[in-house]
Amino acid sequence: MASIYKPSYTKTDPVTGRKVKRRTRHYIVEYREPGGIVRRVKGYPDKEATKQLARRLENRTAWQQEGMVDPEHLRRPLTIHLEDFRRHLEAKNNCPRHVAESVARVKAILDGCAFRYIGDMAPGRVEGWLADLRQDGRGIATSNGYLRAVKSFTAWLVRDHRTGQDVLKHLSRLNPDTDRRHERRSVATKEYHSLLETTRESTAAFRGLSGLDRFMLYTLAGYTGLRCGELASVTPASFGLDAEQPTVTVEAAYSKRRRKDTLPLHPDLAALFQEWIASKPKDIPLWPGTWKEKAAKMLRMDLAAARSAWIQEAKPDGRADREASSFLAYRDDAGRVFDFHACRGQFISELARRGVHPKTAQLLARHSSINLTMNTYTHLAMVDLANAVETLPAPPAAGPNTSADTMRATGTDGKLVGQLVGADRIRLHSTASARTGTRAEVESDGERKCLKNKPLDTRSHPEASTCIRVGEGTRTPDPQSHSLML
C-alpha cells in the first residue's frame, strides 16, 4: 500500500537563531516495487492529486507482479523504445518512407511534450501539443497523422508488454473535412485525353522520362488506378498481354496492402503497351529513376503545356474565354487540385460515370471500404449529375384531363372544399351512400341543406366520414360535425 506524506526538515531562523521544524511544499509518494525495493516519488502540493499518482504507481506495481510488464522497460528511456519500434515497423516490411515518417512524428511529440520515460506520458499534454501544432498553421489532417503515429507507438508498447496501459487509447482524431487543405478532383474525359495527347507530342524530358514515356505512364495510371510507387515497380514481365484477358500485376512487395494484385486491362490499352514494350528488357522497370519523388511537379509541367496548347487552339471560337479558368488547371476555382495521385481518382470517377457497380469499383480500386471508394476517390461534377438525371424517362405530356380549361369547367381548379361557394357547390358521394343507394346532395342554388337521409349522420354511421378529393387536394370531413354539410 502506497503512503503519502510531507517530509519535515529543520531550519534555523536567521533573526532569532532558533531551529524551526517545517514541512516540504510537495507530498512524497512511497511505495514498494516487486522484489521489496522501496521507491519514493515526488508528488504535488495538492493532496488529492498526489493520491491519484499513488494509485497509478500501485497499479503499475500490480501489473509488474502479475508478469504483465517487465520492470526494466519502465526504467529505459523512451528513445530506446522508439528505436525498437523502428525495427518493429521494418520487420513488418513497411516501406522505408512510412517507417521514417512514423518514427519522426513520434519523436517530435515525445520531445515536444518532454516525455523521457513511459510513466511520463500523459494524454492531456499530447492534446495540447497537437493543438499548438494546428495553431501554428498545420492542418487537421497533419495533426491526425501525428496522433495516428504516436497511438500506434503506445499500442505497440502494450502489445510488447512494455507497459500495462495505453494512456493515449481514448484520444480520437478530428474531422479533416472541416479543414481540408489538399482536396483532389477529377477532370472531364476530354481534358484527360487532351493531357495525354499533348504529353505524347512533348519534346521535354523530366528526370530521364521522355514525352512518350510520360504518356504511357499517365495512360496506365488513368486506366488502372495504380499508385505512384506501384507504377515505378512495373516491368514488361508484369504484363500478361497474350492471354484472353490482358492483365497487369503488381507484386506484393510494392502493393500498398502487401498483396499480389492482378488487374484487367482495356483491350486497346493492352495493344498499345504490347507494341511499346516489345523492345524493352523484361526485368527492368519501364519508368526507372527518381521521377516518383517529384511526380506532382512532373504532372504540373505537362498540365501547363496541355492547357497552353488548348487555349491557343480554342481562341478562335471563343471557348478559351468561357472555359480557360478551369480547363486542365492544377487548382480549380473551388481550390481542388489535380496532382499525380488524382489520376487514381480519375480512374475511379470514370468508372462511376460509366455506371459501374460500386462493389466492382471497390475491387478494382483495391480498397478495404466501399466508403473510401465512393466518398474519397469518386469525384463527380455537375455535368455528370445532369447526365444522370437525363437518363430518367421523360414525364408524360399534359393530357386533356389535366388542362386548366377542364378543371375550370368542373369547378375543381385547385380550390378547397371550404372555398367552393354559390355556383361552385359540388356533389358529395360517400361510400355509405353508394352502398345504400342514398345520395348526399348539396344543391347549386346557394342554399345550405342538410342531408335527406338521417342514417348518414356521422354520429350514427361511421362510414359516412370519407375523404373527399377535389382536384389535386384531399379533404377529410371533421369527425366532430353532425352531418356532411357545406
Protein backbone atom coordinates (compact mmCIF):
# COMPACT_ATOMS: atom_id res chain seq x y z
CA MET A 1 0.00 0.00 0.00
CA ALA A 2 1.48 3.32 -1.03
CA SER A 3 1.70 6.09 1.51
CA ILE A 4 1.88 9.84 1.04
CA TYR A 5 3.40 12.35 3.42
CA LYS A 6 5.19 15.67 3.63
CA PRO A 7 8.77 15.27 4.87
CA SER A 8 9.84 17.58 7.65
CA TYR A 9 13.12 19.43 7.91
CA THR A 10 14.79 21.78 10.37
CA LYS A 11 15.72 25.33 9.50
CA THR A 12 17.48 27.97 11.58
CA ASP A 13 15.66 31.27 11.95
CA PRO A 14 18.14 33.98 10.84
CA VAL A 15 16.61 36.52 13.27
CA THR A 16 16.28 34.56 16.49
CA GLY A 17 18.80 31.83 15.73
CA ARG A 18 16.34 29.20 16.88
CA LYS A 19 15.80 25.98 14.96
CA VAL A 20 12.33 25.71 13.43
CA LYS A 21 10.79 22.47 12.19
CA ARG A 22 8.97 22.79 8.84
CA ARG A 23 7.42 20.56 6.17
CA THR A 24 8.09 20.50 2.43
CA ARG A 25 5.64 22.03 -0.01
CA HIS A 26 5.23 18.86 -2.09
CA TYR A 27 3.95 15.50 -0.92
CA ILE A 28 6.04 12.34 -1.34
CA VAL A 29 4.63 9.00 -2.54
CA GLU A 30 6.33 5.96 -1.04
CA TYR A 31 5.57 2.53 -2.50
CA ARG A 32 7.21 -0.87 -2.83
CA GLU A 33 8.14 -2.40 -6.18
CA PRO A 34 8.33 -6.16 -6.84
CA GLY A 35 11.35 -7.56 -5.07
CA GLY A 36 10.90 -5.37 -1.99
CA ILE A 37 12.51 -2.26 -3.43
CA VAL A 38 11.13 0.89 -1.79
CA ARG A 39 10.61 3.80 -4.14
CA ARG A 40 9.88 7.42 -3.29
CA VAL A 41 8.39 9.69 -5.92
CA LYS A 42 7.84 13.43 -5.61
CA GLY A 43 4.15 14.26 -5.67
CA TYR A 44 2.19 17.53 -5.87
CA PRO A 45 1.30 20.26 -3.39
CA ASP A 46 -2.32 19.10 -3.74
CA LYS A 47 -3.07 16.05 -1.61
CA GLU A 48 -5.81 14.62 -3.88
CA ALA A 49 -3.62 14.87 -6.96
CA THR A 50 -0.86 13.05 -5.09
CA LYS A 51 -3.33 10.32 -4.13
CA GLN A 52 -4.14 9.82 -7.82
CA LEU A 53 -0.41 9.50 -8.53
CA ALA A 54 -0.09 6.94 -5.74
CA ARG A 55 -2.92 4.85 -7.23
CA ARG A 56 -1.25 4.86 -10.65
CA LEU A 57 2.02 3.71 -9.13
CA GLU A 58 0.24 0.95 -7.22
CA ASN A 59 -1.49 -0.24 -10.38
CA ARG A 60 1.80 -0.33 -12.23
CA THR A 61 3.32 -2.37 -9.40
CA ALA A 62 0.42 -4.81 -9.58
CA TRP A 63 0.92 -5.23 -13.34
CA GLN A 64 4.57 -5.99 -12.76
CA GLN A 65 3.77 -8.57 -10.08
CA GLU A 66 1.39 -10.33 -12.47
CA GLY A 67 4.13 -10.56 -15.05
CA MET A 68 2.39 -8.18 -17.44
CA VAL A 69 5.21 -5.64 -17.53
CA ASP A 70 8.96 -6.06 -17.33
CA PRO A 71 10.13 -3.52 -14.72
CA GLU A 72 13.25 -2.88 -16.77
CA HIS A 73 11.13 -1.41 -19.57
CA LEU A 74 9.83 1.26 -17.24
CA ARG A 75 13.36 2.40 -16.42
CA ARG A 76 14.53 2.61 -20.02
CA PRO A 77 14.37 5.97 -21.81
CA LEU A 78 11.72 6.34 -24.49
CA THR A 79 14.44 6.87 -27.10
CA ILE A 80 15.42 3.20 -26.69
CA HIS A 81 11.79 2.08 -27.02
CA LEU A 82 11.40 4.25 -30.13
CA GLU A 83 14.41 2.62 -31.77
CA ASP A 84 12.91 -0.80 -31.04
CA PHE A 85 9.63 0.45 -32.55
CA ARG A 86 11.50 1.39 -35.71
CA ARG A 87 12.88 -2.13 -36.02
CA HIS A 88 9.39 -3.49 -35.43
CA LEU A 89 7.99 -1.46 -38.35
CA GLU A 90 10.84 -2.52 -40.62
CA ALA A 91 10.31 -6.18 -39.68
CA LYS A 92 6.70 -5.87 -40.86
CA ASN A 93 8.02 -4.98 -44.33
CA ASN A 94 6.67 -1.43 -44.27
CA CYS A 95 8.07 0.88 -46.90
CA PRO A 96 11.08 2.93 -45.72
CA ARG A 97 9.23 6.21 -46.21
CA HIS A 98 6.40 5.14 -43.90
CA VAL A 99 8.85 3.93 -41.26
CA ALA A 100 10.89 7.14 -41.32
CA GLU A 101 7.80 9.37 -41.24
CA SER A 102 6.16 7.48 -38.37
CA VAL A 103 9.28 7.48 -36.21
CA ALA A 104 9.93 11.17 -36.89
CA ARG A 105 6.40 12.11 -35.86
CA VAL A 106 6.55 10.09 -32.64
CA LYS A 107 9.92 11.63 -31.78
CA ALA A 108 8.54 15.13 -32.37
CA ILE A 109 5.72 14.50 -29.88
CA LEU A 110 7.98 12.90 -27.27
CA ASP A 111 10.44 15.80 -27.47
CA GLY A 112 7.71 18.45 -27.63
CA CYS A 113 5.95 17.07 -24.55
CA ALA A 114 9.24 16.40 -22.69
CA PHE A 115 8.45 12.70 -22.23
CA ARG A 116 11.53 10.79 -21.05
CA TYR A 117 10.07 7.55 -19.67
CA ILE A 118 6.91 5.55 -20.22
CA GLY A 119 5.47 6.78 -16.94
CA ASP A 120 5.78 10.41 -18.11
CA MET A 121 3.33 10.01 -20.99
CA ALA A 122 0.07 11.87 -20.41
CA PRO A 123 -2.81 12.31 -22.90
CA GLY A 124 -3.51 15.90 -21.90
CA ARG A 125 -0.03 17.05 -22.87
CA VAL A 126 -0.28 15.27 -26.22
CA GLU A 127 -3.61 17.00 -26.93
CA GLY A 128 -2.07 20.35 -26.03
CA TRP A 129 0.92 19.75 -28.31
CA LEU A 130 -1.36 18.87 -31.24
CA ALA A 131 -3.49 21.96 -30.57
CA ASP A 132 -0.35 24.12 -30.69
CA LEU A 133 0.60 22.41 -33.95
CA ARG A 134 -2.71 23.42 -35.51
CA GLN A 135 -2.38 26.90 -34.05
CA ASP A 136 0.92 27.28 -35.92
CA GLY A 137 -0.88 26.74 -39.22
CA ARG A 138 -0.77 22.99 -39.73
CA GLY A 139 -3.98 21.35 -40.91
CA ILE A 140 -6.20 18.85 -39.13
CA ALA A 141 -5.11 16.08 -41.49
CA THR A 142 -1.49 16.67 -40.45
CA SER A 143 -2.47 16.72 -36.78
CA ASN A 144 -4.31 13.42 -37.25
CA GLY A 145 -1.20 11.94 -38.85
CA TYR A 146 0.90 12.77 -35.79
CA LEU A 147 -1.76 11.37 -33.46
CA ARG A 148 -2.03 8.16 -35.50
CA ALA A 149 1.73 7.65 -35.32
CA VAL A 150 2.05 8.16 -31.56
CA LYS A 151 -1.02 5.99 -30.84
CA SER A 152 0.49 3.17 -32.87
CA PHE A 153 3.64 3.55 -30.75
CA THR A 154 1.80 3.36 -27.40
CA ALA A 155 -0.34 0.45 -28.63
CA TRP A 156 2.86 -1.40 -29.55
CA LEU A 157 4.26 -0.74 -26.07
CA VAL A 158 1.24 -2.57 -24.59
CA ARG A 159 1.38 -5.47 -27.07
CA ASP A 160 5.09 -5.94 -26.37
CA HIS A 161 4.42 -5.97 -22.59
CA ARG A 162 6.47 -2.84 -22.00
CA THR A 163 3.59 -1.14 -20.23
CA GLY A 164 0.26 -2.32 -18.93
CA GLN A 165 -1.89 0.57 -20.11
CA ASP A 166 -2.28 2.54 -23.32
CA VAL A 167 -2.72 6.04 -21.94
CA LEU A 168 -3.49 7.51 -25.40
CA LYS A 169 -6.07 4.93 -26.41
CA HIS A 170 -9.06 7.20 -25.81
CA LEU A 171 -7.72 10.09 -27.92
CA SER A 172 -9.67 10.41 -31.16
CA ARG A 173 -8.87 12.11 -34.42
CA LEU A 174 -10.62 15.29 -35.55
CA ASN A 175 -12.80 15.55 -38.64
CA PRO A 176 -10.46 16.54 -41.51
CA ASP A 177 -13.36 17.63 -43.72
CA THR A 178 -13.72 20.80 -41.64
CA ASP A 179 -10.21 21.92 -42.61
CA ARG A 180 -9.18 20.12 -45.77
CA ARG A 181 -6.10 21.78 -47.25
CA HIS A 182 -5.46 19.47 -50.21
CA GLU A 183 -8.69 18.27 -51.80
CA ARG A 184 -8.26 16.41 -55.06
CA ARG A 185 -10.56 16.37 -58.07
CA SER A 186 -11.06 14.58 -61.36
CA VAL A 187 -11.29 16.17 -64.80
CA ALA A 188 -13.59 15.57 -67.72
CA THR A 189 -12.70 12.75 -70.11
CA LYS A 190 -11.84 15.18 -72.90
CA GLU A 191 -9.48 17.06 -70.58
CA TYR A 192 -7.61 13.91 -69.59
CA HIS A 193 -7.30 12.83 -73.22
CA SER A 194 -6.04 16.31 -74.11
CA LEU A 195 -3.36 15.93 -71.42
CA LEU A 196 -2.32 12.55 -72.83
CA GLU A 197 -2.16 13.76 -76.43
CA THR A 198 -0.11 16.85 -75.59
CA THR A 199 2.29 14.85 -73.42
CA ARG A 200 2.83 12.28 -76.17
CA GLU A 201 4.00 15.03 -78.53
CA SER A 202 6.18 16.75 -75.90
CA THR A 203 9.91 17.06 -76.57
CA ALA A 204 10.76 17.96 -72.96
CA ALA A 205 12.23 15.34 -70.63
CA PHE A 206 11.69 15.04 -66.88
CA ARG A 207 14.28 13.11 -64.87
CA GLY A 208 15.02 10.81 -67.76
CA LEU A 209 11.41 10.29 -68.90
CA SER A 210 10.57 11.43 -72.42
CA GLY A 211 7.19 12.71 -73.53
CA LEU A 212 6.23 9.25 -74.80
CA ASP A 213 7.34 7.66 -71.53
CA ARG A 214 5.14 10.04 -69.54
CA PHE A 215 2.24 9.50 -71.94
CA MET A 216 2.38 5.75 -71.30
CA LEU A 217 2.74 6.38 -67.55
CA TYR A 218 -0.31 8.67 -67.35
CA THR A 219 -2.33 6.32 -69.53
CA LEU A 220 -1.65 3.29 -67.34
CA ALA A 221 -2.37 5.35 -64.21
CA GLY A 222 -5.68 6.65 -65.56
CA TYR A 223 -6.88 3.24 -66.79
CA THR A 224 -5.83 1.08 -63.81
CA GLY A 225 -5.65 3.39 -60.78
CA LEU A 226 -2.16 2.16 -59.86
CA ARG A 227 -0.33 4.26 -57.29
CA CYS A 228 2.94 6.07 -57.90
CA GLY A 229 5.15 3.50 -56.14
CA GLU A 230 3.34 0.63 -57.84
CA LEU A 231 3.86 2.18 -61.27
CA ALA A 232 7.57 2.60 -60.57
CA SER A 233 7.84 -1.16 -59.98
CA VAL A 234 6.15 -2.26 -63.22
CA THR A 235 8.34 -4.13 -65.71
CA PRO A 236 7.48 -5.71 -69.08
CA ALA A 237 7.22 -9.03 -67.24
CA SER A 238 4.37 -7.56 -65.16
CA PHE A 239 2.04 -7.63 -68.17
CA GLY A 240 0.08 -10.62 -69.36
CA LEU A 241 -0.83 -9.37 -72.82
CA ASP A 242 -1.07 -12.69 -74.67
CA ALA A 243 -3.91 -14.04 -72.52
CA GLU A 244 -7.55 -13.82 -73.50
CA GLN A 245 -7.96 -11.19 -70.80
CA PRO A 246 -4.90 -8.88 -70.72
CA THR A 247 -3.67 -8.04 -67.22
CA VAL A 248 -1.00 -6.14 -65.30
CA THR A 249 0.36 -7.47 -61.99
CA VAL A 250 1.83 -5.60 -59.02
CA GLU A 251 3.98 -7.69 -56.71
CA ALA A 252 3.12 -7.80 -53.01
CA ALA A 253 6.35 -6.02 -52.05
CA TYR A 254 5.21 -2.88 -53.91
CA SER A 255 1.46 -3.02 -53.29
CA LYS A 256 0.18 -0.77 -50.50
CA ARG A 257 -1.82 -3.60 -48.97
CA ARG A 258 1.11 -6.02 -49.32
CA ARG A 259 -0.71 -8.42 -51.61
CA LYS A 260 -0.04 -9.53 -55.14
CA ASP A 261 -2.60 -7.65 -57.25
CA THR A 262 -3.58 -8.56 -60.79
CA LEU A 263 -5.76 -6.05 -62.65
CA PRO A 264 -7.51 -6.36 -66.03
CA LEU A 265 -6.52 -4.06 -68.87
CA HIS A 266 -8.62 -2.35 -71.50
CA PRO A 267 -8.08 -4.18 -74.84
CA ASP A 268 -6.90 -1.01 -76.63
CA LEU A 269 -4.54 -0.24 -73.73
CA ALA A 270 -3.13 -3.77 -73.94
CA ALA A 271 -2.45 -3.37 -77.65
CA LEU A 272 -0.77 -0.02 -77.01
CA PHE A 273 1.57 -1.48 -74.38
CA GLN A 274 2.31 -4.62 -76.38
CA GLU A 275 3.81 -2.51 -79.13
CA TRP A 276 5.66 -0.17 -76.75
CA ILE A 277 7.35 -2.79 -74.53
CA ALA A 278 8.28 -5.16 -77.34
CA SER A 279 11.90 -3.95 -77.45
CA LYS A 280 12.39 -3.29 -73.72
CA PRO A 281 14.27 -5.58 -71.27
CA LYS A 282 11.93 -7.87 -69.36
CA ASP A 283 13.22 -7.31 -65.82
CA ILE A 284 13.98 -3.56 -65.83
CA PRO A 285 11.28 -1.10 -64.70
CA LEU A 286 9.53 0.69 -67.52
CA TRP A 287 9.88 4.03 -65.71
CA PRO A 288 13.20 3.94 -63.79
CA GLY A 289 14.85 6.78 -61.93
CA THR A 290 13.71 9.25 -59.30
CA TRP A 291 10.66 10.70 -61.06
CA LYS A 292 8.27 9.35 -58.38
CA GLU A 293 9.80 11.67 -55.80
CA LYS A 294 8.63 14.64 -57.88
CA ALA A 295 5.63 13.10 -59.62
CA ALA A 296 3.34 16.04 -58.75
CA LYS A 297 5.84 18.52 -60.23
CA MET A 298 6.12 16.41 -63.38
CA LEU A 299 2.35 16.35 -63.88
CA ARG A 300 2.05 20.10 -63.28
CA MET A 301 4.57 20.68 -66.06
CA ASP A 302 2.54 18.60 -68.51
CA LEU A 303 -0.76 20.13 -67.32
CA ALA A 304 0.58 23.60 -68.04
CA ALA A 305 1.75 22.56 -71.51
CA ALA A 306 -1.58 20.92 -72.37
CA ARG A 307 -3.52 23.92 -71.03
CA SER A 308 -1.49 26.38 -73.11
CA ALA A 309 -1.94 24.29 -76.24
CA TRP A 310 -5.68 24.08 -75.69
CA ILE A 311 -6.04 27.83 -75.12
CA GLN A 312 -4.23 28.57 -78.37
CA GLU A 313 -6.49 26.15 -80.20
CA ALA A 314 -9.70 27.40 -78.57
CA LYS A 315 -9.14 31.13 -79.02
CA PRO A 316 -10.73 31.49 -82.49
CA ASP A 317 -14.17 30.26 -81.45
CA GLY A 318 -14.19 31.95 -78.03
CA ARG A 319 -14.14 28.75 -75.95
CA ALA A 320 -10.96 29.86 -74.22
CA ASP A 321 -12.73 32.84 -72.65
CA ARG A 322 -15.55 30.65 -71.32
CA GLU A 323 -13.63 27.60 -70.07
CA ALA A 324 -9.99 28.61 -69.61
CA SER A 325 -10.42 29.30 -65.92
CA SER A 326 -10.66 25.58 -65.10
CA PHE A 327 -9.64 23.57 -68.17
CA LEU A 328 -6.65 21.42 -67.14
CA ALA A 329 -5.81 23.82 -64.31
CA TYR A 330 -3.78 22.34 -61.47
CA ARG A 331 -6.09 24.09 -58.97
CA ASP A 332 -9.67 24.90 -59.95
CA ASP A 333 -11.89 27.73 -58.75
CA ALA A 334 -13.00 25.67 -55.72
CA GLY A 335 -9.39 25.11 -54.61
CA ARG A 336 -9.31 21.42 -55.59
CA VAL A 337 -6.11 20.13 -57.18
CA PHE A 338 -5.28 17.61 -59.88
CA ASP A 339 -1.94 16.08 -58.94
CA PHE A 340 -0.43 12.71 -59.79
CA HIS A 341 -2.40 10.79 -57.18
CA ALA A 342 -5.55 12.34 -58.63
CA CYS A 343 -5.04 10.02 -61.64
CA ARG A 344 -6.20 7.24 -59.31
CA GLY A 345 -9.34 9.23 -58.53
CA GLN A 346 -9.73 9.86 -62.26
CA PHE A 347 -9.89 6.10 -62.88
CA ILE A 348 -12.48 5.50 -60.14
CA SER A 349 -14.57 8.54 -61.14
CA GLU A 350 -14.60 7.38 -64.76
CA LEU A 351 -15.95 4.01 -63.63
CA ALA A 352 -18.76 5.83 -61.80
CA ARG A 353 -19.56 7.89 -64.89
CA ARG A 354 -19.90 4.68 -66.89
CA GLY A 355 -22.38 3.23 -64.42
CA VAL A 356 -20.05 0.57 -62.97
CA HIS A 357 -21.44 -1.05 -59.82
CA PRO A 358 -19.85 0.41 -56.64
CA LYS A 359 -18.71 -3.02 -55.46
CA THR A 360 -16.91 -3.61 -58.75
CA ALA A 361 -15.27 -0.20 -58.47
CA GLN A 362 -14.15 -1.02 -54.93
CA LEU A 363 -12.50 -4.27 -56.07
CA LEU A 364 -10.74 -2.54 -58.98
CA ALA A 365 -9.53 0.21 -56.64
CA ARG A 366 -8.41 -2.43 -54.10
CA HIS A 367 -9.99 -0.56 -51.21
CA SER A 368 -10.93 -2.19 -47.92
CA SER A 369 -14.03 0.01 -47.57
CA ILE A 370 -16.72 1.00 -50.06
CA ASN A 371 -16.94 4.32 -48.22
CA LEU A 372 -13.35 5.11 -49.23
CA THR A 373 -14.11 4.33 -52.86
CA MET A 374 -17.35 6.28 -53.11
CA ASN A 375 -16.69 9.28 -50.84
CA THR A 376 -12.97 9.91 -51.18
CA TYR A 377 -11.91 8.79 -54.64
CA THR A 378 -15.10 9.37 -56.65
CA HIS A 379 -15.31 12.96 -57.90
CA LEU A 380 -18.34 13.82 -59.99
CA ALA A 381 -19.03 17.26 -61.46
CA MET A 382 -22.39 18.93 -62.07
CA VAL A 383 -22.33 17.80 -65.70
CA ASP A 384 -22.13 14.18 -64.51
CA LEU A 385 -25.13 14.70 -62.24
CA ALA A 386 -27.03 16.36 -65.06
CA ASN A 387 -26.26 13.45 -67.40
CA ALA A 388 -27.55 11.03 -64.75
CA VAL A 389 -30.82 12.95 -64.47
CA GLU A 390 -31.23 12.94 -68.26
CA THR A 391 -31.27 9.14 -68.24
CA LEU A 392 -34.63 9.19 -66.43
CA PRO A 393 -37.73 8.57 -68.58
CA ALA A 394 -39.45 11.68 -69.84
CA PRO A 395 -42.55 12.76 -67.87
CA PRO A 396 -45.95 12.26 -69.60
CA ALA A 397 -47.26 15.19 -71.57
CA ALA A 398 -50.15 17.20 -70.10
CA GLY A 399 -53.37 15.45 -71.22
CA PRO A 400 -56.82 16.92 -71.73
CA ASN A 401 -57.99 15.75 -68.28
CA THR A 402 -55.40 17.91 -66.58
CA SER A 403 -55.87 21.07 -68.61
CA ALA A 404 -56.83 24.29 -66.93
CA ASP A 405 -59.98 24.59 -69.07
CA THR A 406 -61.20 21.17 -67.94
CA MET A 407 -60.58 21.94 -64.28
CA ARG A 408 -62.37 25.23 -64.57
CA ALA A 409 -65.28 23.51 -66.31
CA THR A 410 -65.66 21.08 -63.43
CA GLY A 411 -65.17 23.76 -60.82
CA THR A 412 -62.17 21.98 -59.29
CA ASP A 413 -59.35 24.23 -60.42
CA GLY A 414 -57.30 23.81 -57.27
CA LYS A 415 -59.92 25.04 -54.76
CA LEU A 416 -60.50 23.52 -51.38
CA VAL A 417 -63.92 22.30 -50.42
CA GLY A 418 -64.34 25.13 -47.95
CA GLN A 419 -63.71 27.66 -50.72
CA LEU A 420 -66.48 26.43 -53.01
CA VAL A 421 -69.47 28.73 -52.63
CA GLY A 422 -72.56 29.54 -54.67
CA ALA A 423 -72.29 28.08 -58.16
CA ASP A 424 -69.13 26.27 -57.08
CA ARG A 425 -71.01 23.90 -54.77
CA ILE A 426 -70.23 20.29 -55.68
CA ARG A 427 -71.91 16.98 -55.19
CA LEU A 428 -70.55 14.72 -52.50
CA HIS A 429 -70.71 10.96 -52.74
CA SER A 430 -69.80 8.87 -49.74
CA THR A 431 -69.03 5.18 -49.54
CA ALA A 432 -72.05 4.59 -47.40
CA SER A 433 -74.40 6.31 -49.82
CA ALA A 434 -73.08 4.18 -52.64
CA ARG A 435 -73.86 1.04 -50.63
CA THR A 436 -77.35 2.11 -49.57
CA GLY A 437 -78.34 3.81 -52.77
CA THR A 438 -78.80 7.14 -50.99
CA ARG A 439 -77.04 10.30 -52.04
CA ALA A 440 -75.88 13.34 -50.13
CA GLU A 441 -76.52 16.24 -52.41
CA VAL A 442 -75.85 19.94 -52.00
CA GLU A 443 -77.86 22.00 -54.41
CA SER A 444 -76.30 24.76 -56.51
CA ASP A 445 -78.89 27.37 -55.66
CA GLY A 446 -76.71 28.81 -52.89
CA GLU A 447 -78.87 27.48 -50.05
CA ARG A 448 -77.44 25.20 -47.32
CA LYS A 449 -79.38 21.97 -46.98
CA CYS A 450 -78.96 19.06 -44.62
CA LEU A 451 -78.71 15.51 -45.76
CA LYS A 452 -82.02 13.96 -46.53
CA ASN A 453 -81.24 10.55 -45.00
CA LYS A 454 -80.62 10.65 -41.26
CA PRO A 455 -78.65 7.34 -41.14
CA LEU A 456 -75.80 9.07 -42.90
CA ASP A 457 -75.22 11.33 -39.89
CA THR A 458 -71.62 10.79 -38.76
CA ARG A 459 -72.79 10.21 -35.23
CA SER A 460 -74.67 7.08 -36.21
CA HIS A 461 -72.96 5.90 -39.40
CA PRO A 462 -69.14 5.82 -39.18
CA GLU A 463 -68.65 5.09 -42.87
CA ALA A 464 -70.04 8.48 -43.76
CA SER A 465 -66.81 10.19 -42.73
CA THR A 466 -64.96 9.58 -46.00
CA CYS A 467 -62.21 11.56 -47.67
CA ILE A 468 -63.34 13.95 -50.37
CA ARG A 469 -60.94 14.50 -53.29
CA VAL A 470 -61.16 17.83 -55.05
CA GLY A 471 -58.78 18.49 -57.89
CA GLU A 472 -55.31 17.61 -56.57
CA GLY A 473 -56.23 18.03 -52.88
CA THR A 474 -57.79 15.69 -50.32
CA ARG A 475 -60.10 16.82 -47.53
CA THR A 476 -61.23 14.70 -44.60
CA PRO A 477 -64.55 15.79 -43.05
CA ASP A 478 -64.44 16.93 -39.45
CA PRO A 479 -65.42 13.97 -37.26
CA GLN A 480 -66.98 16.42 -34.78
CA SER A 481 -69.57 17.61 -37.31
CA HIS A 482 -73.06 16.17 -37.08
CA SER A 483 -73.68 15.94 -40.80
CA LEU A 484 -71.85 16.33 -44.10
CA MET A 485 -72.83 19.91 -44.84
CA LEU A 486 -71.10 22.72 -46.61
